[in-house]
C-alpha atoms as a PDB file:
ATOM      1  CA  MET A   1       0.000   0.000   0.000  1.00  0.00           C
ATOM      2  CA  ASN A   2       3.029   2.277  -0.397  1.00  0.00           C
ATOM      3  CA  THR A   3       2.013   3.790  -3.732  1.00  0.00           C
ATOM      4  CA  PHE A   4      -0.492   6.507  -4.428  1.00  0.00           C
ATOM      5  CA  THR A   5      -2.511   6.523  -7.635  1.00  0.00           C
ATOM      6  CA  ALA A   6      -3.966   9.906  -8.529  1.00  0.00           C
ATOM      7  CA  PRO A   7      -6.979  10.281 -10.799  1.00  0.00           C
ATOM      8  CA  THR A   8      -6.597  11.919 -14.190  1.00  0.00           C
ATOM      9  CA  ILE A   9      -7.295  15.649 -14.124  1.00  0.00           C
ATOM     10  CA  ALA A  10      -9.217  16.999 -17.118  1.00  0.00           C
ATOM     11  CA  ASN A  11      -7.903  20.036 -18.973  1.00  0.00           C
ATOM     12  CA  ILE A  12     -10.283  22.963 -18.486  1.00  0.00           C
ATOM     13  CA  GLU A  13      -9.002  24.852 -21.501  1.00  0.00           C
ATOM     14  CA  SER A  14     -11.392  25.040 -24.447  1.00  0.00           C
ATOM     15  CA  ASN A  15     -10.893  27.581 -27.200  1.00  0.00           C
ATOM     16  CA  ASP A  16     -14.598  27.543 -28.062  1.00  0.00           C
ATOM     17  CA  LEU A  17     -15.723  28.004 -24.452  1.00  0.00           C
ATOM     18  CA  ARG A  18     -13.124  30.677 -23.768  1.00  0.00           C
ATOM     19  CA  LEU A  19     -14.273  32.595 -26.855  1.00  0.00           C
ATOM     20  CA  GLN A  20     -17.944  32.308 -25.858  1.00  0.00           C
ATOM     21  CA  LEU A  21     -17.235  33.473 -22.309  1.00  0.00           C
ATOM     22  CA  GLN A  22     -15.162  36.406 -23.501  1.00  0.00           C
ATOM     23  CA  GLN A  23     -17.856  37.449 -25.973  1.00  0.00           C
ATOM     24  CA  ILE A  24     -20.484  37.385 -23.214  1.00  0.00           C
ATOM     25  CA  ILE A  25     -18.259  39.438 -20.887  1.00  0.00           C
ATOM     26  CA  ASP A  26     -17.391  41.959 -23.610  1.00  0.00           C
ATOM     27  CA  SER A  27     -21.050  42.394 -24.589  1.00  0.00           C
ATOM     28  CA  LYS A  28     -22.127  43.519 -21.116  1.00  0.00           C
ATOM     29  CA  THR A  29     -23.200  47.136 -20.678  1.00  0.00           C
ATOM     30  CA  LYS A  30     -19.783  48.541 -19.806  1.00  0.00           C
ATOM     31  CA  PRO A  31     -16.601  49.624 -21.570  1.00  0.00           C
ATOM     32  CA  LEU A  32     -14.323  46.742 -22.536  1.00  0.00           C
ATOM     33  CA  GLY A  33     -12.371  45.534 -19.512  1.00  0.00           C
ATOM     34  CA  ALA A  34     -14.020  48.030 -17.171  1.00  0.00           C
ATOM     35  CA  LEU A  35     -14.625  45.417 -14.471  1.00  0.00           C
ATOM     36  CA  GLY A  36     -10.946  44.513 -14.441  1.00  0.00           C
ATOM     37  CA  LYS A  37     -10.026  41.387 -12.529  1.00  0.00           C
ATOM     38  CA  LEU A  38     -13.677  40.557 -11.939  1.00  0.00           C
ATOM     39  CA  GLU A  39     -13.909  39.791 -15.658  1.00  0.00           C
ATOM     40  CA  THR A  40     -10.850  37.553 -15.487  1.00  0.00           C
ATOM     41  CA  LEU A  41     -12.392  35.795 -12.496  1.00  0.00           C
ATOM     42  CA  ALA A  42     -15.698  35.251 -14.298  1.00  0.00           C
ATOM     43  CA  LEU A  43     -13.851  33.769 -17.268  1.00  0.00           C
ATOM     44  CA  GLN A  44     -11.849  31.433 -15.032  1.00  0.00           C
ATOM     45  CA  ILE A  45     -14.924  30.218 -13.153  1.00  0.00           C
ATOM     46  CA  GLY A  46     -16.719  29.556 -16.436  1.00  0.00           C
ATOM     47  CA  LEU A  47     -13.784  27.510 -17.727  1.00  0.00           C
ATOM     48  CA  ILE A  48     -13.510  25.508 -14.497  1.00  0.00           C
ATOM     49  CA  LEU A  49     -17.214  24.677 -14.411  1.00  0.00           C
ATOM     50  CA  GLY A  50     -17.423  24.260 -18.167  1.00  0.00           C
ATOM     51  CA  THR A  51     -20.344  26.603 -18.738  1.00  0.00           C
ATOM     52  CA  THR A  52     -21.225  30.090 -19.965  1.00  0.00           C
ATOM     53  CA  SER A  53     -23.668  30.470 -17.042  1.00  0.00           C
ATOM     54  CA  PRO A  54     -21.505  29.649 -14.006  1.00  0.00           C
ATOM     55  CA  GLN A  55     -23.167  29.294 -10.624  1.00  0.00           C
ATOM     56  CA  ILE A  56     -21.598  28.367  -7.304  1.00  0.00           C
ATOM     57  CA  LYS A  57     -23.607  25.687  -5.533  1.00  0.00           C
ATOM     58  CA  GLN A  58     -23.298  24.542  -1.909  1.00  0.00           C
ATOM     59  CA  PRO A  59     -19.771  25.819  -1.164  1.00  0.00           C
ATOM     60  CA  GLN A  60     -17.875  23.765   1.401  1.00  0.00           C
ATOM     61  CA  ILE A  61     -15.081  24.385   3.896  1.00  0.00           C
ATOM     62  CA  ARG A  62     -13.142  21.465   5.318  1.00  0.00           C
ATOM     63  CA  VAL A  63     -10.659  22.325   8.072  1.00  0.00           C
ATOM     64  CA  PHE A  64      -8.052  19.565   8.368  1.00  0.00           C
ATOM     65  CA  ALA A  65      -6.469  19.259  11.817  1.00  0.00           C
ATOM     66  CA  ALA A  66      -3.365  17.380  12.947  1.00  0.00           C
ATOM     67  CA  ASP A  67      -0.402  17.618  15.281  1.00  0.00           C
ATOM     68  CA  HIS A  68       3.280  17.591  14.362  1.00  0.00           C
ATOM     69  CA  GLY A  69       5.981  15.618  16.167  1.00  0.00           C
ATOM     70  CA  LEU A  70       8.552  18.220  15.170  1.00  0.00           C
ATOM     71  CA  ALA A  71       6.835  20.754  17.437  1.00  0.00           C
ATOM     72  CA  VAL A  72       8.603  19.237  20.478  1.00  0.00           C
ATOM     73  CA  HIS A  73      11.692  21.181  19.373  1.00  0.00           C
ATOM     74  CA  GLY A  74      10.055  24.546  19.953  1.00  0.00           C
ATOM     75  CA  THR A  75       9.404  25.469  16.320  1.00  0.00           C
ATOM     76  CA  SER A  76       6.067  27.033  17.286  1.00  0.00           C
ATOM     77  CA  ALA A  77       5.165  29.701  19.827  1.00  0.00           C
ATOM     78  CA  PHE A  78       2.223  27.599  21.056  1.00  0.00           C
ATOM     79  CA  PRO A  79       2.150  24.089  22.575  1.00  0.00           C
ATOM     80  CA  SER A  80       0.662  21.185  20.617  1.00  0.00           C
ATOM     81  CA  ALA A  81      -2.284  21.013  23.025  1.00  0.00           C
ATOM     82  CA  VAL A  82      -3.700  24.073  21.254  1.00  0.00           C
ATOM     83  CA  THR A  83      -4.554  21.970  18.182  1.00  0.00           C
ATOM     84  CA  ALA A  84      -7.193  19.946  20.032  1.00  0.00           C
ATOM     85  CA  GLN A  85      -8.368  23.045  21.893  1.00  0.00           C
ATOM     86  CA  MET A  86      -8.927  24.823  18.599  1.00  0.00           C
ATOM     87  CA  VAL A  87     -10.818  21.841  17.206  1.00  0.00           C
ATOM     88  CA  LEU A  88     -13.220  22.220  20.121  1.00  0.00           C
ATOM     89  CA  ASN A  89     -13.443  25.940  19.374  1.00  0.00           C
ATOM     90  CA  PHE A  90     -14.338  25.150  15.757  1.00  0.00           C
ATOM     91  CA  LEU A  91     -17.037  22.733  16.873  1.00  0.00           C
ATOM     92  CA  GLN A  92     -18.443  25.337  19.258  1.00  0.00           C
ATOM     93  CA  GLY A  93     -18.537  27.892  16.451  1.00  0.00           C
ATOM     94  CA  GLY A  94     -16.102  30.351  18.031  1.00  0.00           C
ATOM     95  CA  ALA A  95     -13.219  30.580  15.563  1.00  0.00           C
ATOM     96  CA  ALA A  96     -12.741  33.194  12.852  1.00  0.00           C
ATOM     97  CA  ILE A  97     -13.546  30.661  10.130  1.00  0.00           C
ATOM     98  CA  ASN A  98     -16.834  29.819  11.873  1.00  0.00           C
ATOM     99  CA  VAL A  99     -17.836  33.472  11.862  1.00  0.00           C
ATOM    100  CA  LEU A 100     -16.976  33.915   8.190  1.00  0.00           C
ATOM    101  CA  ALA A 101     -18.579  30.630   7.147  1.00  0.00           C
ATOM    102  CA  ARG A 102     -21.822  31.635   8.868  1.00  0.00           C
ATOM    103  CA  GLN A 103     -21.721  35.095   7.319  1.00  0.00           C
ATOM    104  CA  HIS A 104     -21.340  33.712   3.803  1.00  0.00           C
ATOM    105  CA  ASN A 105     -23.476  30.583   4.254  1.00  0.00           C
ATOM    106  CA  ILE A 106     -20.639  28.128   3.596  1.00  0.00           C
ATOM    107  CA  GLU A 107     -20.918  24.690   5.191  1.00  0.00           C
ATOM    108  CA  LEU A 108     -17.981  23.958   7.504  1.00  0.00           C
ATOM    109  CA  LYS A 109     -16.761  20.652   8.869  1.00  0.00           C
ATOM    110  CA  VAL A 110     -13.579  19.729  10.733  1.00  0.00           C
ATOM    111  CA  VAL A 111     -11.523  16.718   9.674  1.00  0.00           C
ATOM    112  CA  ASP A 112      -9.403  14.963  12.309  1.00  0.00           C
ATOM    113  CA  ALA A 113      -6.437  13.996  10.161  1.00  0.00           C
ATOM    114  CA  GLY A 114      -4.120  13.245  13.066  1.00  0.00           C
ATOM    115  CA  VAL A 115      -4.745  15.270  16.206  1.00  0.00           C
ATOM    116  CA  ALA A 116      -2.811  13.881  19.195  1.00  0.00           C
ATOM    117  CA  THR A 117      -6.023  13.615  21.206  1.00  0.00           C
ATOM    118  CA  ASP A 118      -8.858  11.090  21.193  1.00  0.00           C
ATOM    119  CA  PHE A 119     -12.117  12.960  20.690  1.00  0.00           C
ATOM    120  CA  ASP A 120     -14.220  10.587  22.728  1.00  0.00           C
ATOM    121  CA  SER A 121     -15.285  12.886  25.561  1.00  0.00           C
ATOM    122  CA  ALA A 122     -18.774  14.303  25.971  1.00  0.00           C
ATOM    123  CA  ALA A 123     -17.663  17.559  24.318  1.00  0.00           C
ATOM    124  CA  PHE A 124     -17.081  15.738  21.037  1.00  0.00           C
ATOM    125  CA  LYS A 125     -19.803  13.083  21.089  1.00  0.00           C
ATOM    126  CA  ASN A 126     -22.440  13.206  18.356  1.00  0.00           C
ATOM    127  CA  GLN A 127     -20.713  16.056  16.552  1.00  0.00           C
ATOM    128  CA  PRO A 128     -21.760  15.917  12.882  1.00  0.00           C
ATOM    129  CA  GLN A 129     -19.232  18.661  12.145  1.00  0.00           C
ATOM    130  CA  LEU A 130     -16.305  16.446  13.188  1.00  0.00           C
ATOM    131  CA  LEU A 131     -15.145  13.888  10.625  1.00  0.00           C
ATOM    132  CA  ASP A 132     -12.851  11.151  11.936  1.00  0.00           C
ATOM    133  CA  TYR A 133     -10.126  10.302   9.422  1.00  0.00           C
ATOM    134  CA  LYS A 134      -7.313  10.091  11.966  1.00  0.00           C
ATOM    135  CA  VAL A 135      -4.286   8.245  10.618  1.00  0.00           C
ATOM    136  CA  ARG A 136      -2.261   8.408  13.832  1.00  0.00           C
ATOM    137  CA  HIS A 137      -1.837  10.664  16.872  1.00  0.00           C
ATOM    138  CA  GLY A 138       0.257  13.351  15.228  1.00  0.00           C
ATOM    139  CA  SER A 139       3.059  12.967  12.721  1.00  0.00           C
ATOM    140  CA  ARG A 140       6.412  11.652  13.829  1.00  0.00           C
ATOM    141  CA  ASP A 141       9.356  13.855  14.749  1.00  0.00           C
ATOM    142  CA  ALA A 142      10.858  14.627  11.338  1.00  0.00           C
ATOM    143  CA  LEU A 143      14.188  15.492  12.941  1.00  0.00           C
ATOM    144  CA  ASN A 144      14.669  11.806  13.738  1.00  0.00           C
ATOM    145  CA  GLU A 145      12.536   9.904  11.194  1.00  0.00           C
ATOM    146  CA  GLN A 146      10.017  10.411   8.423  1.00  0.00           C
ATOM    147  CA  ALA A 147       7.034  12.485   9.546  1.00  0.00           C
ATOM    148  CA  MET A 148       4.883   9.758   8.005  1.00  0.00           C
ATOM    149  CA  THR A 149       5.762   6.306   6.792  1.00  0.00           C
ATOM    150  CA  ASP A 150       5.067   5.840   3.107  1.00  0.00           C
ATOM    151  CA  GLU A 151       2.007   3.781   4.013  1.00  0.00           C
ATOM    152  CA  GLU A 152       0.674   6.458   6.375  1.00  0.00           C
ATOM    153  CA  CYS A 153       1.178   9.097   3.704  1.00  0.00           C
ATOM    154  CA  VAL A 154      -0.805   7.038   1.180  1.00  0.00           C
ATOM    155  CA  ILE A 155      -3.573   6.527   3.730  1.00  0.00           C
ATOM    156  CA  ALA A 156      -3.702  10.280   4.423  1.00  0.00           C
ATOM    157  CA  LEU A 157      -3.845  11.088   0.698  1.00  0.00           C
ATOM    158  CA  ASN A 158      -6.608   8.554   0.131  1.00  0.00           C
ATOM    159  CA  ASN A 159      -8.515   9.784   3.179  1.00  0.00           C
ATOM    160  CA  GLY A 160      -8.380  13.301   1.785  1.00  0.00           C
ATOM    161  CA  MET A 161      -9.766  12.025  -1.497  1.00  0.00           C
ATOM    162  CA  GLU A 162     -12.548  10.275   0.387  1.00  0.00           C
ATOM    163  CA  VAL A 163     -13.458  13.514   2.188  1.00  0.00           C
ATOM    164  CA  ALA A 164     -13.776  15.238  -1.190  1.00  0.00           C
ATOM    165  CA  LYS A 165     -15.869  12.404  -2.618  1.00  0.00           C
ATOM    166  CA  GLN A 166     -18.468  13.089   0.080  1.00  0.00           C
ATOM    167  CA  LEU A 167     -18.793  16.772  -0.839  1.00  0.00           C
ATOM    168  CA  THR A 168     -21.892  18.338  -2.275  1.00  0.00           C
ATOM    169  CA  GLY A 169     -21.652  21.458  -4.399  1.00  0.00           C
ATOM    170  CA  ASN A 170     -18.921  22.706  -6.710  1.00  0.00           C
ATOM    171  CA  LEU A 171     -16.543  24.802  -4.589  1.00  0.00           C
ATOM    172  CA  LEU A 172     -14.077  23.641  -1.942  1.00  0.00           C
ATOM    173  CA  ILE A 173     -12.038  25.625   0.558  1.00  0.00           C
ATOM    174  CA  VAL A 174      -9.429  23.600   2.438  1.00  0.00           C
ATOM    175  CA  GLY A 175      -8.432  25.082   5.766  1.00  0.00           C
ATOM    176  CA  GLU A 176      -6.081  23.718   8.399  1.00  0.00           C
ATOM    177  CA  MET A 177      -5.243  23.691  12.066  1.00  0.00           C
ATOM    178  CA  GLY A 178      -2.048  22.193  13.411  1.00  0.00           C
ATOM    179  CA  ILE A 179       0.571  23.616  15.731  1.00  0.00           C
ATOM    180  CA  GLY A 180       3.820  23.320  13.791  1.00  0.00           C
ATOM    181  CA  ASN A 181       2.344  23.161  10.306  1.00  0.00           C
ATOM    182  CA  THR A 182       4.115  26.279   9.022  1.00  0.00           C
ATOM    183  CA  SER A 183       7.358  24.379   9.658  1.00  0.00           C
ATOM    184  CA  ALA A 184       6.147  21.440   7.579  1.00  0.00           C
ATOM    185  CA  ALA A 185       4.994  23.771   4.808  1.00  0.00           C
ATOM    186  CA  SER A 186       8.319  25.630   4.838  1.00  0.00           C
ATOM    187  CA  LEU A 187      10.225  22.358   4.605  1.00  0.00           C
ATOM    188  CA  LEU A 188       8.161  21.267   1.610  1.00  0.00           C
ATOM    189  CA  LEU A 189       8.632  24.637  -0.087  1.00  0.00           C
ATOM    190  CA  ALA A 190      12.395  24.522   0.428  1.00  0.00           C
ATOM    191  CA  ARG A 191      12.640  20.988  -0.922  1.00  0.00           C
ATOM    192  CA  LEU A 192      10.240  21.215  -3.878  1.00  0.00           C
ATOM    193  CA  GLY A 193      11.357  24.725  -4.793  1.00  0.00           C
ATOM    194  CA  ASN A 194      15.064  23.975  -4.236  1.00  0.00           C
ATOM    195  CA  LEU A 195      15.280  27.045  -1.987  1.00  0.00           C
ATOM    196  CA  PRO A 196      17.221  27.998   1.162  1.00  0.00           C
ATOM    197  CA  ILE A 197      15.106  27.291   4.230  1.00  0.00           C
ATOM    198  CA  ALA A 198      15.783  30.833   5.502  1.00  0.00           C
ATOM    199  CA  ASP A 199      13.754  32.182   2.562  1.00  0.00           C
ATOM    200  CA  CYS A 200      10.824  29.899   3.339  1.00  0.00           C
ATOM    201  CA  ILE A 201      10.183  30.433   7.046  1.00  0.00           C
ATOM    202  CA  GLY A 202       8.359  33.020   9.103  1.00  0.00           C
ATOM    203  CA  ARG A 203       7.221  33.550  12.649  1.00  0.00           C
ATOM    204  CA  GLY A 204       4.204  31.273  12.281  1.00  0.00           C
ATOM    205  CA  THR A 205       2.045  31.668  15.362  1.00  0.00           C
ATOM    206  CA  GLY A 206       4.292  34.445  16.708  1.00  0.00           C
ATOM    207  CA  LEU A 207       7.879  33.369  17.342  1.00  0.00           C
ATOM    208  CA  ASP A 208      10.290  35.991  18.671  1.00  0.00           C
ATOM    209  CA  ASP A 209      13.737  36.531  17.088  1.00  0.00           C
ATOM    210  CA  ALA A 210      15.365  33.793  19.130  1.00  0.00           C
ATOM    211  CA  GLY A 211      12.540  31.400  18.316  1.00  0.00           C
ATOM    212  CA  LEU A 212      12.798  32.199  14.608  1.00  0.00           C
ATOM    213  CA  LEU A 213      16.538  31.469  14.644  1.00  0.00           C
ATOM    214  CA  ARG A 214      15.933  28.184  16.444  1.00  0.00           C
ATOM    215  CA  LYS A 215      13.262  27.296  13.893  1.00  0.00           C
ATOM    216  CA  GLU A 216      15.710  27.882  11.055  1.00  0.00           C
ATOM    217  CA  GLN A 217      18.375  25.743  12.731  1.00  0.00           C
ATOM    218  CA  ILE A 218      15.980  22.856  13.417  1.00  0.00           C
ATOM    219  CA  LEU A 219      14.491  22.897   9.919  1.00  0.00           C
ATOM    220  CA  THR A 220      17.966  22.989   8.361  1.00  0.00           C
ATOM    221  CA  GLN A 221      18.791  19.811  10.268  1.00  0.00           C
ATOM    222  CA  VAL A 222      15.528  18.198   9.155  1.00  0.00           C
ATOM    223  CA  LEU A 223      16.323  18.874   5.500  1.00  0.00           C
ATOM    224  CA  GLN A 224      19.794  17.392   5.961  1.00  0.00           C
ATOM    225  CA  ARG A 225      18.316  14.353   7.702  1.00  0.00           C
ATOM    226  CA  HIS A 226      16.038  13.736   4.699  1.00  0.00           C
ATOM    227  CA  GLU A 227      18.305  14.885   1.896  1.00  0.00           C
ATOM    228  CA  ASP A 228      17.330  11.837  -0.178  1.00  0.00           C
ATOM    229  CA  ALA A 229      13.589  12.631  -0.034  1.00  0.00           C
ATOM    230  CA  ILE A 230      13.595  14.323  -3.424  1.00  0.00           C
ATOM    231  CA  THR A 231      10.432  13.198  -5.199  1.00  0.00           C
ATOM    232  CA  PRO A 232       7.185  15.009  -4.317  1.00  0.00           C
ATOM    233  CA  PHE A 233       5.746  11.927  -2.602  1.00  0.00           C
ATOM    234  CA  ALA A 234       8.934  11.194  -0.678  1.00  0.00           C
ATOM    235  CA  ALA A 235       9.172  14.826   0.414  1.00  0.00           C
ATOM    236  CA  LEU A 236       5.561  14.839   1.567  1.00  0.00           C
ATOM    237  CA  ALA A 237       6.027  11.672   3.604  1.00  0.00           C
ATOM    238  CA  ALA A 238       9.325  12.769   5.144  1.00  0.00           C
ATOM    239  CA  LEU A 239       8.585  16.444   5.784  1.00  0.00           C
ATOM    240  CA  GLY A 240       4.869  17.092   5.607  1.00  0.00           C
ATOM    241  CA  GLY A 241       2.068  16.780   8.075  1.00  0.00           C
ATOM    242  CA  LEU A 242      -0.927  14.489   8.110  1.00  0.00           C
ATOM    243  CA  GLU A 243      -3.312  17.393   7.543  1.00  0.00           C
ATOM    244  CA  ILE A 244      -1.250  18.662   4.600  1.00  0.00           C
ATOM    245  CA  ALA A 245      -1.246  15.216   2.984  1.00  0.00           C
ATOM    246  CA  MET A 246      -4.993  14.950   3.477  1.00  0.00           C
ATOM    247  CA  MET A 247      -5.494  18.422   1.978  1.00  0.00           C
ATOM    248  CA  VAL A 248      -3.437  17.297  -1.027  1.00  0.00           C
ATOM    249  CA  GLY A 249      -5.730  14.313  -1.558  1.00  0.00           C
ATOM    250  CA  ALA A 250      -8.850  16.445  -1.176  1.00  0.00           C
ATOM    251  CA  LEU A 251      -7.616  18.990  -3.727  1.00  0.00           C
ATOM    252  CA  ILE A 252      -6.749  16.279  -6.238  1.00  0.00           C
ATOM    253  CA  GLN A 253     -10.131  14.593  -5.893  1.00  0.00           C
ATOM    254  CA  ALA A 254     -12.100  17.855  -6.019  1.00  0.00           C
ATOM    255  CA  ALA A 255     -10.254  18.880  -9.185  1.00  0.00           C
ATOM    256  CA  SER A 256     -11.048  15.498 -10.741  1.00  0.00           C
ATOM    257  CA  GLN A 257     -14.711  16.280  -9.971  1.00  0.00           C
ATOM    258  CA  ARG A 258     -14.357  19.640 -11.772  1.00  0.00           C
ATOM    259  CA  GLN A 259     -14.861  21.729  -8.652  1.00  0.00           C
ATOM    260  CA  ILE A 260     -13.497  25.192  -7.921  1.00  0.00           C
ATOM    261  CA  LEU A 261     -10.566  25.132  -5.501  1.00  0.00           C
ATOM    262  CA  LEU A 262     -10.592  28.421  -3.595  1.00  0.00           C
ATOM    263  CA  ILE A 263      -7.087  28.429  -2.120  1.00  0.00           C
ATOM    264  CA  ASP A 264      -6.395  30.102   1.214  1.00  0.00           C
ATOM    265  CA  GLY A 265      -2.874  31.001   2.374  1.00  0.00           C
ATOM    266  CA  PHE A 266       0.535  29.426   2.918  1.00  0.00           C
ATOM    267  CA  ILE A 267      -0.449  25.925   4.058  1.00  0.00           C
ATOM    268  CA  ALA A 268      -3.238  25.498   1.501  1.00  0.00           C
ATOM    269  CA  SER A 269      -0.942  26.751  -1.259  1.00  0.00           C
ATOM    270  CA  ILE A 270       1.809  24.266  -0.387  1.00  0.00           C
ATOM    271  CA  ALA A 271      -0.820  21.521  -0.448  1.00  0.00           C
ATOM    272  CA  LEU A 272      -1.775  22.707  -3.934  1.00  0.00           C
ATOM    273  CA  LEU A 273       1.868  22.686  -5.059  1.00  0.00           C
ATOM    274  CA  VAL A 274       2.253  19.077  -3.905  1.00  0.00           C
ATOM    275  CA  ALA A 275      -1.089  18.173  -5.493  1.00  0.00           C
ATOM    276  CA  GLU A 276       0.035  19.627  -8.833  1.00  0.00           C
ATOM    277  CA  HIS A 277       3.218  17.544  -8.675  1.00  0.00           C
ATOM    278  CA  LEU A 278       1.273  14.349  -7.920  1.00  0.00           C
ATOM    279  CA  ALA A 279      -1.630  15.018 -10.311  1.00  0.00           C
ATOM    280  CA  PRO A 280      -0.667  17.503 -13.037  1.00  0.00           C
ATOM    281  CA  GLY A 281      -3.570  19.764 -13.947  1.00  0.00           C
ATOM    282  CA  VAL A 282      -4.936  20.437 -10.449  1.00  0.00           C
ATOM    283  CA  ARG A 283      -3.553  23.991 -10.607  1.00  0.00           C
ATOM    284  CA  GLN A 284      -6.047  24.880 -13.372  1.00  0.00           C
ATOM    285  CA  TYR A 285      -8.908  24.570 -10.911  1.00  0.00           C
ATOM    286  CA  ALA A 286      -7.363  26.896  -8.322  1.00  0.00           C
ATOM    287  CA  ILE A 287      -8.431  30.450  -7.579  1.00  0.00           C
ATOM    288  CA  PHE A 288      -6.073  32.117  -5.102  1.00  0.00           C
ATOM    289  CA  ALA A 289      -7.925  34.001  -2.401  1.00  0.00           C
ATOM    290  CA  HIS A 290      -5.298  36.130  -0.674  1.00  0.00           C
ATOM    291  CA  HIS A 291      -1.646  36.941  -0.175  1.00  0.00           C
ATOM    292  CA  SER A 292      -0.609  35.631   3.224  1.00  0.00           C
ATOM    293  CA  ALA A 293       1.740  37.636   5.439  1.00  0.00           C
ATOM    294  CA  GLU A 294       3.747  34.434   5.957  1.00  0.00           C
ATOM    295  CA  PRO A 295       7.029  35.197   4.095  1.00  0.00           C
ATOM    296  CA  GLY A 296       7.214  31.938   2.170  1.00  0.00           C
ATOM    297  CA  HIS A 297       3.855  32.534   0.555  1.00  0.00           C
ATOM    298  CA  GLU A 298       5.216  35.191  -1.803  1.00  0.00           C
ATOM    299  CA  ILE A 299       7.730  32.681  -3.183  1.00  0.00           C
ATOM    300  CA  LEU A 300       5.071  29.993  -3.357  1.00  0.00           C
ATOM    301  CA  LEU A 301       2.718  32.236  -5.323  1.00  0.00           C
ATOM    302  CA  GLN A 302       5.516  32.886  -7.822  1.00  0.00           C
ATOM    303  CA  LEU A 303       6.130  29.155  -8.210  1.00  0.00           C
ATOM    304  CA  LEU A 304       2.414  28.643  -8.850  1.00  0.00           C
ATOM    305  CA  HIS A 305       2.170  31.663 -11.204  1.00  0.00           C
ATOM    306  CA  ALA A 306      -0.654  32.941  -9.019  1.00  0.00           C
ATOM    307  CA  THR A 307      -2.154  36.385  -8.456  1.00  0.00           C
ATOM    308  CA  PRO A 308      -4.369  36.412  -5.353  1.00  0.00           C
ATOM    309  CA  LEU A 309      -7.616  38.351  -5.149  1.00  0.00           C
ATOM    310  CA  LEU A 310      -6.905  40.010  -1.782  1.00  0.00           C
ATOM    311  CA  ASN A 311      -3.981  41.210   0.304  1.00  0.00           C
ATOM    312  CA  LEU A 312      -5.139  41.939   3.848  1.00  0.00           C
ATOM    313  CA  HIS A 313      -1.847  41.000   5.585  1.00  0.00           C
ATOM    314  CA  MET A 314      -3.528  37.968   7.144  1.00  0.00           C
ATOM    315  CA  ARG A 315      -1.741  34.814   8.327  1.00  0.00           C
ATOM    316  CA  LEU A 316      -4.386  32.998  10.350  1.00  0.00           C
ATOM    317  CA  GLY A 317      -5.043  29.968   8.185  1.00  0.00           C
ATOM    318  CA  GLU A 318      -8.203  27.931   8.847  1.00  0.00           C
ATOM    319  CA  GLY A 319      -9.436  28.918   5.353  1.00  0.00           C
ATOM    320  CA  SER A 320     -10.218  32.422   6.613  1.00  0.00           C
ATOM    321  CA  GLY A 321      -8.735  34.331   3.675  1.00  0.00           C
ATOM    322  CA  ALA A 322     -10.592  32.123   1.205  1.00  0.00           C
ATOM    323  CA  ALA A 323     -13.899  32.681   2.991  1.00  0.00           C
ATOM    324  CA  LEU A 324     -13.332  36.436   2.771  1.00  0.00           C
ATOM    325  CA  ALA A 325     -12.667  36.227  -0.976  1.00  0.00           C
ATOM    326  CA  TYR A 326     -15.683  34.018  -1.661  1.00  0.00           C
ATOM    327  CA  PRO A 327     -18.155  36.904  -2.277  1.00  0.00           C
ATOM    328  CA  LEU A 328     -15.985  38.077  -5.171  1.00  0.00           C
ATOM    329  CA  LEU A 329     -16.648  34.755  -6.899  1.00  0.00           C
ATOM    330  CA  GLN A 330     -20.358  35.187  -6.270  1.00  0.00           C
ATOM    331  CA  SER A 331     -20.190  38.648  -7.816  1.00  0.00           C
ATOM    332  CA  ALA A 332     -18.332  37.354 -10.877  1.00  0.00           C
ATOM    333  CA  CYS A 333     -21.045  34.758 -11.460  1.00  0.00           C
ATOM    334  CA  ALA A 334     -23.801  37.328 -10.932  1.00  0.00           C
ATOM    335  CA  ILE A 335     -22.246  39.619 -13.531  1.00  0.00           C
ATOM    336  CA  MET A 336     -22.229  36.782 -16.057  1.00  0.00           C
ATOM    337  CA  ASN A 337     -25.807  35.739 -15.396  1.00  0.00           C
ATOM    338  CA  GLU A 338     -27.648  38.945 -14.507  1.00  0.00           C
ATOM    339  CA  MET A 339     -25.933  41.933 -16.109  1.00  0.00           C
ATOM    340  CA  ALA A 340     -27.588  43.098 -19.323  1.00  0.00           C
ATOM    341  CA  SER A 341     -25.822  43.060 -22.662  1.00  0.00           C
ATOM    342  CA  PHE A 342     -25.832  46.065 -24.973  1.00  0.00           C
ATOM    343  CA  SER A 343     -28.420  44.373 -27.191  1.00  0.00           C
ATOM    344  CA  ASP A 344     -30.614  43.415 -24.201  1.00  0.00           C
ATOM    345  CA  ALA A 345     -30.650  47.014 -22.976  1.00  0.00           C
ATOM    346  CA  GLY A 346     -30.913  48.636 -26.410  1.00  0.00           C
ATOM    347  CA  ILE A 347     -27.688  50.564 -25.831  1.00  0.00           C
ATOM    348  CA  SER A 348     -25.274  51.371 -28.627  1.00  0.00           C
ATOM    349  CA  GLU A 349     -21.914  49.683 -28.301  1.00  0.00           C
ATOM    350  CA  GLN A 350     -18.697  51.681 -28.353  1.00  0.00           C
ATOM    351  CA  ASN A 351     -17.133  52.373 -31.732  1.00  0.00           C
ATOM    352  CA  SER A 352     -14.468  49.902 -32.740  1.00  0.00           C
END
């Protein structure tokens, strides 16, 4: 069970559909290009969904949660216990992503990918919002061994695909919660992007200068320990987290189902980068919500040739930036479906 088989990802590009979409956009009652990036967004959504009348149906947020063995070395400003505490906060509706999901009517569920806590207490019983896909109680300490065995990594990828298979609707936001996951994301960025680790790390949950230096030293040692983990799968197993692997699987499956992938910040973007390596074509389905304040995200966006919709200097994760950008996608669809054309309104078009 040590191999992962990704589904084939369909190419969204169609010259005929692109031409039809552009003609519809250009015929609206406005000067050519006057709606700027909203027009580009409408075109992209139409291509992803394969229609000239795109509509977003039953948008979904899945927050993947897991702990990281590497966190014992002080690479995060918060203890690992916070992961489980935040899962409870999600289930009680008190986190930022809960607020935004309610505001925009997006269904939210939490996926236990590998939290180092058994959710069998009364606080977690009969919680339809909590999905149990736990692979193990946190990833291993990547300083001493692979974060996941190859088999565990395959299980996490397949579990993520299974989560996506259960989705209704046509838009997915993957969020995450895991103390130490910016370290895992930075390691993956350094390895897959062939970059110095110093360029890929930030303060995460709020490290001070000394903590940031320690983080760099620890992650440098981790990369040396796993210098032979070169392929995308090997890097994911050796360096990544359970929640990141599960996000990768979910993104691959959702793309194979021709769903919009509304990508949040640093962690979600690294999951997309890995997904694109494992299943070429996933990137076509991605709309990038915002520019994270996490330093490595700028490099990651360049690698993915991505221009985000927003830049609010956020670095929370959870899918929060994607939820904030979601109304822009609604507006792009509304423009396509509800805005009059020049001929509809009996208005003369501009001279060519």
